[in-house]
């Protein structure tokens, strides 16, 4: 990514969209910011997953403790709209509120892991969306539970980590 955008300062994440037989239908890349203050990532936003652009993005901020609360905002263009869920004219601004609401051990594909629960809402003139994230300090975002702008639900869960040897 840096060869195309020299000022790019995010870790590149690749999303592979697999078919039932696990062959790759297509791939896309996006970004993750991970530093001593926070971990933030773009959700997958291709094809039907474009709806996730209107939701809170996965985000946790230090200190990692129950009760920590923070805000963020993002301008979103009408190009993210889709007749399957909602279209609009002009840009909107999502205002986000995040809070670490719990810490618990959960069963995962990697065994029982201690995870923080982050509850977030996004509010704009279009309405409200939600995200509940489960975050582990070693693996990152383990589970993402979205409530979309049209009331539908999307759940994404980490079930495999592939370490790149490059």
N, C-alpha and C. Protein backbone atom coordinates (compact mmCIF):
# COMPACT_ATOMS: atom_id res chain seq x y z
N UNK A 1 0.83 -1.20 0.00
CA UNK A 1 0.00 0.00 0.00
C UNK A 1 0.87 1.26 0.00
N UNK A 2 1.96 1.21 0.75
CA UNK A 2 2.81 2.39 0.88
C UNK A 2 3.43 2.80 -0.46
N UNK A 3 3.59 1.83 -1.38
CA UNK A 3 4.15 2.19 -2.69
C UNK A 3 3.19 3.05 -3.50
N UNK A 4 1.89 2.95 -3.20
CA UNK A 4 0.89 3.76 -3.90
C UNK A 4 0.58 5.05 -3.14
N UNK A 5 0.64 4.99 -1.82
CA UNK A 5 0.35 6.14 -0.96
C UNK A 5 1.45 6.25 0.08
N UNK A 6 2.50 7.04 -0.18
CA UNK A 6 3.65 7.11 0.73
C UNK A 6 3.30 7.54 2.16
N UNK A 7 2.21 8.30 2.35
CA UNK A 7 1.84 8.76 3.69
C UNK A 7 0.88 7.81 4.40
N UNK A 8 0.63 6.64 3.83
CA UNK A 8 -0.31 5.69 4.43
C UNK A 8 0.27 5.20 5.75
N UNK A 9 -0.48 5.36 6.84
CA UNK A 9 0.06 5.02 8.16
C UNK A 9 -0.79 3.99 8.89
N UNK A 10 -1.45 3.12 8.15
CA UNK A 10 -2.23 2.06 8.76
C UNK A 10 -1.64 0.71 8.38
N UNK A 11 -1.83 -0.28 9.24
CA UNK A 11 -1.47 -1.66 8.90
C UNK A 11 -2.48 -2.15 7.89
N UNK A 12 -2.01 -2.78 6.84
CA UNK A 12 -2.91 -3.27 5.80
C UNK A 12 -3.54 -4.59 6.24
N UNK A 13 -4.85 -4.66 6.13
CA UNK A 13 -5.60 -5.89 6.41
C UNK A 13 -6.22 -6.37 5.11
N UNK A 14 -6.15 -7.66 4.88
CA UNK A 14 -6.78 -8.23 3.69
C UNK A 14 -8.01 -9.02 4.10
N UNK A 15 -9.12 -8.74 3.43
CA UNK A 15 -10.33 -9.52 3.62
C UNK A 15 -10.48 -10.45 2.42
N UNK A 16 -10.62 -11.73 2.68
CA UNK A 16 -10.87 -12.72 1.63
C UNK A 16 -12.31 -13.19 1.77
N UNK A 17 -13.07 -13.04 0.72
CA UNK A 17 -14.47 -13.45 0.72
C UNK A 17 -14.53 -14.83 0.08
N UNK A 18 -14.82 -15.83 0.91
CA UNK A 18 -14.76 -17.21 0.46
C UNK A 18 -16.14 -17.75 0.12
N UNK A 19 -16.15 -18.67 -0.83
CA UNK A 19 -17.38 -19.39 -1.17
C UNK A 19 -17.53 -20.58 -0.23
N UNK A 20 -18.62 -21.33 -0.35
CA UNK A 20 -18.84 -22.48 0.53
C UNK A 20 -17.73 -23.51 0.46
N UNK A 21 -17.10 -23.66 -0.72
CA UNK A 21 -16.01 -24.63 -0.84
C UNK A 21 -14.65 -24.01 -0.47
N UNK A 22 -14.69 -22.83 0.16
CA UNK A 22 -13.52 -22.11 0.66
C UNK A 22 -12.59 -21.59 -0.43
N UNK A 23 -13.09 -21.50 -1.67
CA UNK A 23 -12.28 -20.83 -2.69
C UNK A 23 -12.59 -19.33 -2.59
N UNK A 24 -11.64 -18.52 -2.96
CA UNK A 24 -11.79 -17.08 -2.81
C UNK A 24 -12.60 -16.49 -3.96
N UNK A 25 -13.73 -15.88 -3.63
CA UNK A 25 -14.54 -15.21 -4.64
C UNK A 25 -13.86 -13.90 -5.04
N UNK A 26 -13.36 -13.16 -4.04
CA UNK A 26 -12.57 -11.96 -4.28
C UNK A 26 -11.92 -11.53 -2.97
N UNK A 27 -10.97 -10.62 -3.07
CA UNK A 27 -10.26 -10.08 -1.91
C UNK A 27 -10.34 -8.56 -1.94
N UNK A 28 -10.13 -7.96 -0.79
CA UNK A 28 -9.99 -6.51 -0.72
C UNK A 28 -9.02 -6.19 0.41
N UNK A 29 -8.50 -4.97 0.39
CA UNK A 29 -7.62 -4.56 1.48
C UNK A 29 -8.20 -3.33 2.16
N UNK A 30 -7.84 -3.17 3.42
CA UNK A 30 -8.30 -2.05 4.21
C UNK A 30 -7.23 -1.76 5.25
N UNK A 31 -7.58 -1.00 6.29
CA UNK A 31 -6.56 -0.58 7.23
C UNK A 31 -6.92 -0.78 8.69
N UNK A 32 -5.86 -0.91 9.50
CA UNK A 32 -5.97 -1.04 10.95
C UNK A 32 -4.97 -0.07 11.57
N UNK A 33 -5.40 0.64 12.60
CA UNK A 33 -4.48 1.47 13.38
C UNK A 33 -4.33 0.79 14.73
N UNK A 34 -3.09 0.51 15.11
CA UNK A 34 -2.80 -0.18 16.37
C UNK A 34 -1.58 0.50 16.98
N UNK A 35 -1.80 1.14 18.12
CA UNK A 35 -0.69 1.80 18.82
C UNK A 35 -0.92 1.74 20.32
N UNK A 36 -0.09 2.46 21.08
CA UNK A 36 -0.20 2.37 22.54
C UNK A 36 -1.48 2.99 23.08
N UNK A 37 -2.19 3.77 22.28
CA UNK A 37 -3.41 4.42 22.75
C UNK A 37 -4.69 3.71 22.34
N UNK A 38 -4.72 3.10 21.14
CA UNK A 38 -5.96 2.50 20.68
C UNK A 38 -5.72 1.48 19.56
N UNK A 39 -6.80 0.70 19.34
CA UNK A 39 -6.86 -0.20 18.19
C UNK A 39 -8.16 0.15 17.47
N UNK A 40 -8.04 0.41 16.17
CA UNK A 40 -9.17 0.84 15.35
C UNK A 40 -9.04 0.16 14.00
N UNK A 41 -10.16 -0.27 13.44
CA UNK A 41 -10.07 -0.91 12.13
C UNK A 41 -11.28 -0.61 11.26
N UNK A 42 -11.01 -0.59 9.96
CA UNK A 42 -12.09 -0.52 8.99
C UNK A 42 -12.76 -1.89 8.97
N UNK A 43 -14.07 -1.95 9.02
CA UNK A 43 -14.73 -3.24 8.82
C UNK A 43 -14.68 -3.61 7.34
N UNK A 44 -15.02 -4.85 6.99
CA UNK A 44 -15.16 -5.15 5.57
C UNK A 44 -16.27 -4.26 5.01
N UNK A 45 -16.05 -3.71 3.81
CA UNK A 45 -17.03 -2.78 3.24
C UNK A 45 -17.23 -3.04 1.75
N UNK A 46 -17.21 -4.29 1.36
CA UNK A 46 -17.41 -4.66 -0.03
C UNK A 46 -18.78 -5.29 -0.22
N UNK A 47 -19.37 -5.04 -1.38
CA UNK A 47 -20.66 -5.63 -1.78
C UNK A 47 -21.69 -5.41 -0.67
N UNK A 48 -22.33 -6.46 -0.14
CA UNK A 48 -23.35 -6.25 0.89
C UNK A 48 -22.75 -5.67 2.18
N UNK A 49 -21.47 -5.94 2.45
CA UNK A 49 -20.85 -5.43 3.67
C UNK A 49 -20.68 -3.91 3.65
N UNK A 50 -20.99 -3.27 2.53
CA UNK A 50 -20.96 -1.80 2.47
C UNK A 50 -21.89 -1.19 3.52
N UNK A 51 -22.91 -1.90 3.92
CA UNK A 51 -23.84 -1.41 4.94
C UNK A 51 -23.10 -1.10 6.25
N UNK A 52 -21.97 -1.78 6.49
CA UNK A 52 -21.23 -1.59 7.74
C UNK A 52 -20.56 -0.22 7.83
N UNK A 53 -20.45 0.50 6.72
CA UNK A 53 -19.88 1.85 6.74
C UNK A 53 -20.71 2.77 7.63
N UNK A 54 -21.99 2.49 7.78
CA UNK A 54 -22.87 3.34 8.58
C UNK A 54 -22.85 2.97 10.07
N UNK A 55 -22.19 1.89 10.43
CA UNK A 55 -22.12 1.44 11.82
C UNK A 55 -20.85 1.97 12.48
N UNK A 56 -20.80 1.90 13.82
CA UNK A 56 -19.53 2.19 14.48
C UNK A 56 -18.46 1.24 13.96
N UNK A 57 -17.26 1.75 13.79
CA UNK A 57 -16.13 0.90 13.40
C UNK A 57 -15.59 0.22 14.66
N UNK A 58 -15.02 -0.98 14.53
CA UNK A 58 -14.37 -1.62 15.68
C UNK A 58 -13.27 -0.70 16.22
N UNK A 59 -13.32 -0.41 17.53
CA UNK A 59 -12.45 0.60 18.10
C UNK A 59 -12.40 0.38 19.61
N UNK A 60 -11.18 0.32 20.17
CA UNK A 60 -11.00 0.29 21.62
C UNK A 60 -9.88 1.27 21.95
N UNK A 61 -10.07 1.98 23.05
CA UNK A 61 -9.13 3.02 23.46
C UNK A 61 -8.69 2.77 24.89
N UNK A 62 -7.42 3.06 25.18
CA UNK A 62 -6.91 2.91 26.54
C UNK A 62 -7.50 4.00 27.42
N UNK A 63 -7.58 3.77 28.73
CA UNK A 63 -7.20 2.52 29.40
C UNK A 63 -8.23 1.42 29.15
N UNK A 64 -7.74 0.19 29.00
CA UNK A 64 -8.62 -0.95 28.80
C UNK A 64 -9.22 -1.32 30.15
N UNK A 65 -10.31 -0.63 30.52
CA UNK A 65 -11.01 -0.96 31.76
C UNK A 65 -12.48 -0.59 31.62
N UNK A 66 -13.30 -1.37 32.33
CA UNK A 66 -14.74 -1.16 32.29
C UNK A 66 -15.06 0.27 32.74
N UNK A 67 -15.92 0.92 31.97
CA UNK A 67 -16.31 2.29 32.27
C UNK A 67 -15.62 3.33 31.39
N UNK A 68 -14.53 2.94 30.73
CA UNK A 68 -13.86 3.89 29.83
C UNK A 68 -14.80 4.22 28.68
N UNK A 69 -14.98 5.53 28.41
CA UNK A 69 -15.93 5.99 27.41
C UNK A 69 -15.24 7.05 26.54
N UNK A 70 -15.51 7.04 25.21
CA UNK A 70 -14.94 8.03 24.31
C UNK A 70 -15.87 8.26 23.13
N UNK A 71 -15.60 9.34 22.40
CA UNK A 71 -16.42 9.74 21.25
C UNK A 71 -15.54 9.85 20.02
N UNK A 72 -16.17 9.82 18.86
CA UNK A 72 -15.50 9.97 17.58
C UNK A 72 -16.56 10.39 16.58
N UNK A 73 -16.16 10.93 15.44
CA UNK A 73 -17.13 11.23 14.38
C UNK A 73 -16.47 11.00 13.03
N UNK A 74 -17.31 10.79 12.00
CA UNK A 74 -16.83 10.52 10.66
C UNK A 74 -17.86 11.01 9.65
N UNK A 75 -17.37 11.70 8.63
CA UNK A 75 -18.24 12.13 7.53
C UNK A 75 -18.33 10.99 6.52
N UNK A 76 -19.55 10.72 6.03
CA UNK A 76 -19.79 9.59 5.12
C UNK A 76 -20.56 10.12 3.91
N UNK A 77 -20.06 9.83 2.73
CA UNK A 77 -20.69 10.29 1.50
C UNK A 77 -21.86 9.42 1.07
N UNK A 78 -22.70 9.97 0.22
CA UNK A 78 -23.88 9.24 -0.25
C UNK A 78 -23.53 8.05 -1.14
N UNK A 79 -22.26 7.98 -1.59
CA UNK A 79 -21.83 6.83 -2.40
C UNK A 79 -21.89 5.52 -1.62
N UNK A 80 -21.99 5.58 -0.28
CA UNK A 80 -22.11 4.36 0.54
C UNK A 80 -23.55 3.87 0.64
N UNK A 81 -24.48 4.64 0.13
CA UNK A 81 -25.88 4.24 0.16
C UNK A 81 -26.15 3.12 -0.84
N UNK A 82 -27.25 2.41 -0.61
CA UNK A 82 -27.63 1.31 -1.49
C UNK A 82 -29.14 1.12 -1.36
N UNK A 83 -29.82 0.92 -2.47
CA UNK A 83 -31.28 0.77 -2.42
C UNK A 83 -31.70 -0.44 -1.58
N UNK A 84 -30.79 -1.38 -1.32
CA UNK A 84 -31.14 -2.55 -0.49
C UNK A 84 -31.33 -2.16 0.97
N UNK A 85 -30.73 -1.05 1.42
CA UNK A 85 -30.92 -0.65 2.81
C UNK A 85 -31.30 0.82 2.96
N UNK A 86 -30.62 1.75 2.28
CA UNK A 86 -30.95 3.17 2.45
C UNK A 86 -30.10 3.99 1.49
N UNK A 87 -30.72 4.96 0.87
CA UNK A 87 -29.96 5.93 0.07
C UNK A 87 -30.25 7.31 0.62
N UNK A 88 -29.36 8.26 0.33
CA UNK A 88 -29.52 9.63 0.81
C UNK A 88 -28.75 10.56 -0.12
N UNK A 89 -29.09 11.83 -0.04
CA UNK A 89 -28.40 12.86 -0.82
C UNK A 89 -27.43 13.60 0.08
N UNK A 90 -26.26 13.91 -0.46
CA UNK A 90 -25.28 14.68 0.30
C UNK A 90 -24.61 13.84 1.37
N UNK A 91 -23.66 14.45 2.05
CA UNK A 91 -22.93 13.73 3.09
C UNK A 91 -23.68 13.74 4.41
N UNK A 92 -23.30 12.82 5.26
CA UNK A 92 -23.82 12.78 6.63
C UNK A 92 -22.62 12.77 7.56
N UNK A 93 -22.87 13.01 8.83
CA UNK A 93 -21.83 12.85 9.84
C UNK A 93 -22.34 11.89 10.90
N UNK A 94 -21.61 10.78 11.05
CA UNK A 94 -21.91 9.84 12.12
C UNK A 94 -21.20 10.32 13.38
N UNK A 95 -21.94 10.39 14.47
CA UNK A 95 -21.36 10.70 15.78
C UNK A 95 -21.40 9.42 16.59
N UNK A 96 -20.24 9.01 17.07
CA UNK A 96 -20.10 7.72 17.75
C UNK A 96 -19.86 7.92 19.24
N UNK A 97 -20.44 7.04 20.03
CA UNK A 97 -20.16 6.94 21.47
C UNK A 97 -19.75 5.50 21.73
N UNK A 98 -18.59 5.31 22.34
CA UNK A 98 -18.04 4.00 22.67
C UNK A 98 -17.89 3.89 24.18
N UNK A 99 -18.11 2.67 24.71
CA UNK A 99 -17.86 2.42 26.13
C UNK A 99 -17.47 0.97 26.34
N UNK A 100 -16.42 0.77 27.14
CA UNK A 100 -16.05 -0.59 27.57
C UNK A 100 -17.02 -0.95 28.70
N UNK A 101 -17.88 -1.92 28.43
CA UNK A 101 -18.97 -2.23 29.37
C UNK A 101 -18.77 -3.53 30.13
N UNK A 102 -17.75 -4.30 29.79
CA UNK A 102 -17.54 -5.56 30.50
C UNK A 102 -16.21 -6.19 30.15
N UNK A 103 -15.87 -7.21 30.94
CA UNK A 103 -14.67 -8.01 30.71
C UNK A 103 -15.03 -9.42 31.16
N UNK A 104 -14.91 -10.39 30.23
CA UNK A 104 -15.30 -11.75 30.58
C UNK A 104 -14.52 -12.75 29.74
N UNK A 105 -14.51 -13.99 30.21
CA UNK A 105 -13.90 -15.07 29.44
C UNK A 105 -14.96 -15.69 28.55
N UNK A 106 -14.61 -15.87 27.27
CA UNK A 106 -15.55 -16.47 26.34
C UNK A 106 -14.87 -17.62 25.60
N UNK A 107 -15.67 -18.57 25.14
CA UNK A 107 -15.15 -19.66 24.32
C UNK A 107 -14.98 -19.16 22.89
N UNK A 108 -13.79 -19.41 22.32
CA UNK A 108 -13.49 -18.99 20.96
C UNK A 108 -12.82 -20.13 20.21
N UNK A 109 -12.54 -19.91 18.95
CA UNK A 109 -11.80 -20.89 18.15
C UNK A 109 -10.37 -21.07 18.68
N UNK A 110 -9.93 -20.16 19.53
CA UNK A 110 -8.57 -20.20 20.08
C UNK A 110 -8.56 -20.62 21.55
N UNK A 111 -9.67 -21.19 22.02
CA UNK A 111 -9.79 -21.57 23.43
C UNK A 111 -10.55 -20.50 24.19
N UNK A 112 -10.53 -20.60 25.50
CA UNK A 112 -11.22 -19.64 26.35
C UNK A 112 -10.33 -18.40 26.48
N UNK A 113 -10.87 -17.24 26.05
CA UNK A 113 -10.09 -16.00 26.06
C UNK A 113 -10.80 -14.91 26.85
N UNK A 114 -10.00 -14.11 27.54
CA UNK A 114 -10.55 -12.96 28.25
C UNK A 114 -10.75 -11.83 27.23
N UNK A 115 -11.96 -11.30 27.18
CA UNK A 115 -12.29 -10.26 26.21
C UNK A 115 -12.97 -9.08 26.89
N UNK A 116 -12.70 -7.91 26.37
CA UNK A 116 -13.42 -6.71 26.75
C UNK A 116 -14.64 -6.60 25.84
N UNK A 117 -15.76 -6.14 26.40
CA UNK A 117 -16.95 -5.84 25.62
C UNK A 117 -17.00 -4.33 25.42
N UNK A 118 -17.10 -3.92 24.17
CA UNK A 118 -17.22 -2.50 23.84
C UNK A 118 -18.57 -2.31 23.16
N UNK A 119 -19.43 -1.48 23.76
CA UNK A 119 -20.73 -1.16 23.17
C UNK A 119 -20.62 0.22 22.53
N UNK A 120 -21.09 0.34 21.29
CA UNK A 120 -20.98 1.60 20.56
C UNK A 120 -22.27 1.88 19.80
N UNK A 121 -22.58 3.18 19.66
CA UNK A 121 -23.69 3.61 18.83
C UNK A 121 -23.19 4.67 17.86
N UNK A 122 -23.81 4.71 16.69
CA UNK A 122 -23.55 5.76 15.71
C UNK A 122 -24.88 6.44 15.43
N UNK A 123 -24.89 7.76 15.50
CA UNK A 123 -26.11 8.51 15.28
C UNK A 123 -25.86 9.57 14.20
N UNK A 124 -26.79 9.66 13.25
CA UNK A 124 -26.74 10.68 12.21
C UNK A 124 -28.16 11.05 11.85
N UNK A 125 -28.32 11.93 10.87
CA UNK A 125 -29.68 12.30 10.43
C UNK A 125 -30.41 11.12 9.81
N UNK A 126 -29.69 10.03 9.50
CA UNK A 126 -30.32 8.84 8.92
C UNK A 126 -30.92 7.92 9.97
N UNK A 127 -30.44 8.03 11.22
CA UNK A 127 -30.89 7.14 12.28
C UNK A 127 -29.74 6.67 13.13
N UNK A 128 -29.90 5.49 13.72
CA UNK A 128 -28.91 4.96 14.65
C UNK A 128 -28.52 3.55 14.27
N UNK A 129 -27.23 3.23 14.44
CA UNK A 129 -26.71 1.88 14.29
C UNK A 129 -25.93 1.54 15.54
N UNK A 130 -25.64 0.24 15.71
CA UNK A 130 -24.93 -0.21 16.91
C UNK A 130 -23.88 -1.25 16.57
N UNK A 131 -22.90 -1.36 17.45
CA UNK A 131 -21.90 -2.41 17.38
C UNK A 131 -21.52 -2.82 18.79
N UNK A 132 -21.55 -4.13 19.03
CA UNK A 132 -20.95 -4.69 20.25
C UNK A 132 -19.75 -5.49 19.79
N UNK A 133 -18.57 -5.11 20.31
CA UNK A 133 -17.32 -5.77 19.94
C UNK A 133 -16.78 -6.54 21.13
N UNK A 134 -16.17 -7.69 20.84
CA UNK A 134 -15.43 -8.43 21.87
C UNK A 134 -13.97 -8.38 21.46
N UNK A 135 -13.12 -7.85 22.34
CA UNK A 135 -11.73 -7.58 22.03
C UNK A 135 -10.81 -8.30 23.00
N UNK A 136 -9.84 -9.02 22.45
CA UNK A 136 -8.81 -9.71 23.23
C UNK A 136 -7.48 -9.04 22.95
N UNK A 137 -6.66 -8.83 23.98
CA UNK A 137 -5.41 -8.08 23.80
C UNK A 137 -4.39 -8.82 22.93
N UNK A 138 -4.50 -10.12 22.78
CA UNK A 138 -3.58 -10.86 21.91
C UNK A 138 -4.09 -10.98 20.47
N UNK A 139 -5.35 -11.32 20.29
CA UNK A 139 -5.90 -11.59 18.97
C UNK A 139 -6.64 -10.41 18.36
N UNK A 140 -6.99 -9.41 19.16
CA UNK A 140 -7.73 -8.26 18.64
C UNK A 140 -9.23 -8.49 18.72
N UNK A 141 -9.94 -8.00 17.72
CA UNK A 141 -11.41 -8.10 17.71
C UNK A 141 -11.81 -9.53 17.36
N UNK A 142 -12.39 -10.23 18.33
CA UNK A 142 -12.77 -11.63 18.20
C UNK A 142 -14.17 -11.77 17.58
N UNK A 143 -15.08 -10.87 17.99
CA UNK A 143 -16.45 -10.96 17.51
C UNK A 143 -17.02 -9.55 17.38
N UNK A 144 -17.78 -9.33 16.29
CA UNK A 144 -18.42 -8.04 16.02
C UNK A 144 -19.90 -8.30 15.76
N UNK A 145 -20.75 -7.69 16.58
CA UNK A 145 -22.20 -7.88 16.49
C UNK A 145 -22.83 -6.53 16.11
N UNK A 146 -23.23 -6.42 14.85
CA UNK A 146 -23.76 -5.17 14.31
C UNK A 146 -25.28 -5.18 14.29
N UNK A 147 -25.88 -4.01 14.57
CA UNK A 147 -27.28 -3.74 14.27
C UNK A 147 -27.26 -2.63 13.23
N UNK A 148 -27.69 -2.96 12.02
CA UNK A 148 -27.55 -2.07 10.87
C UNK A 148 -28.66 -1.03 10.79
N UNK A 149 -28.51 -0.08 9.87
CA UNK A 149 -29.43 1.04 9.71
C UNK A 149 -30.85 0.57 9.35
N UNK A 150 -30.97 -0.59 8.72
CA UNK A 150 -32.30 -1.11 8.36
C UNK A 150 -32.85 -2.10 9.39
N UNK A 151 -32.16 -2.22 10.54
CA UNK A 151 -32.61 -3.13 11.58
C UNK A 151 -32.06 -4.55 11.45
N UNK A 152 -31.43 -4.86 10.32
CA UNK A 152 -30.83 -6.20 10.15
C UNK A 152 -29.62 -6.34 11.06
N UNK A 153 -29.20 -7.57 11.24
CA UNK A 153 -28.04 -7.87 12.11
C UNK A 153 -26.96 -8.54 11.27
N UNK A 154 -25.72 -8.21 11.58
CA UNK A 154 -24.55 -8.84 10.95
C UNK A 154 -23.60 -9.24 12.06
N UNK A 155 -23.14 -10.49 12.05
CA UNK A 155 -22.15 -10.96 13.03
C UNK A 155 -20.92 -11.43 12.29
N UNK A 156 -19.77 -10.92 12.69
CA UNK A 156 -18.48 -11.35 12.15
C UNK A 156 -17.68 -11.92 13.31
N UNK A 157 -17.03 -13.06 13.06
CA UNK A 157 -16.30 -13.74 14.13
C UNK A 157 -14.96 -14.22 13.60
N UNK A 158 -13.90 -13.96 14.36
CA UNK A 158 -12.57 -14.44 14.00
C UNK A 158 -12.49 -15.93 14.29
N UNK A 159 -12.18 -16.73 13.28
CA UNK A 159 -12.07 -18.17 13.52
C UNK A 159 -10.73 -18.73 13.08
N UNK A 160 -9.90 -17.88 12.44
CA UNK A 160 -8.60 -18.38 12.01
C UNK A 160 -7.65 -17.20 11.88
N UNK A 161 -6.39 -17.41 12.27
CA UNK A 161 -5.34 -16.41 12.10
C UNK A 161 -4.29 -17.02 11.21
N UNK A 162 -3.95 -16.31 10.13
CA UNK A 162 -2.91 -16.78 9.23
C UNK A 162 -1.74 -15.81 9.36
N UNK A 163 -0.62 -16.32 9.79
CA UNK A 163 0.56 -15.47 9.96
C UNK A 163 1.31 -15.38 8.66
N UNK A 164 1.50 -14.16 8.19
CA UNK A 164 2.23 -13.92 6.96
C UNK A 164 3.73 -13.96 7.27
N UNK A 165 4.46 -14.71 6.50
CA UNK A 165 5.90 -14.87 6.75
C UNK A 165 6.73 -13.75 6.10
N UNK A 166 6.10 -12.80 5.42
CA UNK A 166 6.86 -11.74 4.75
C UNK A 166 7.32 -10.69 5.69
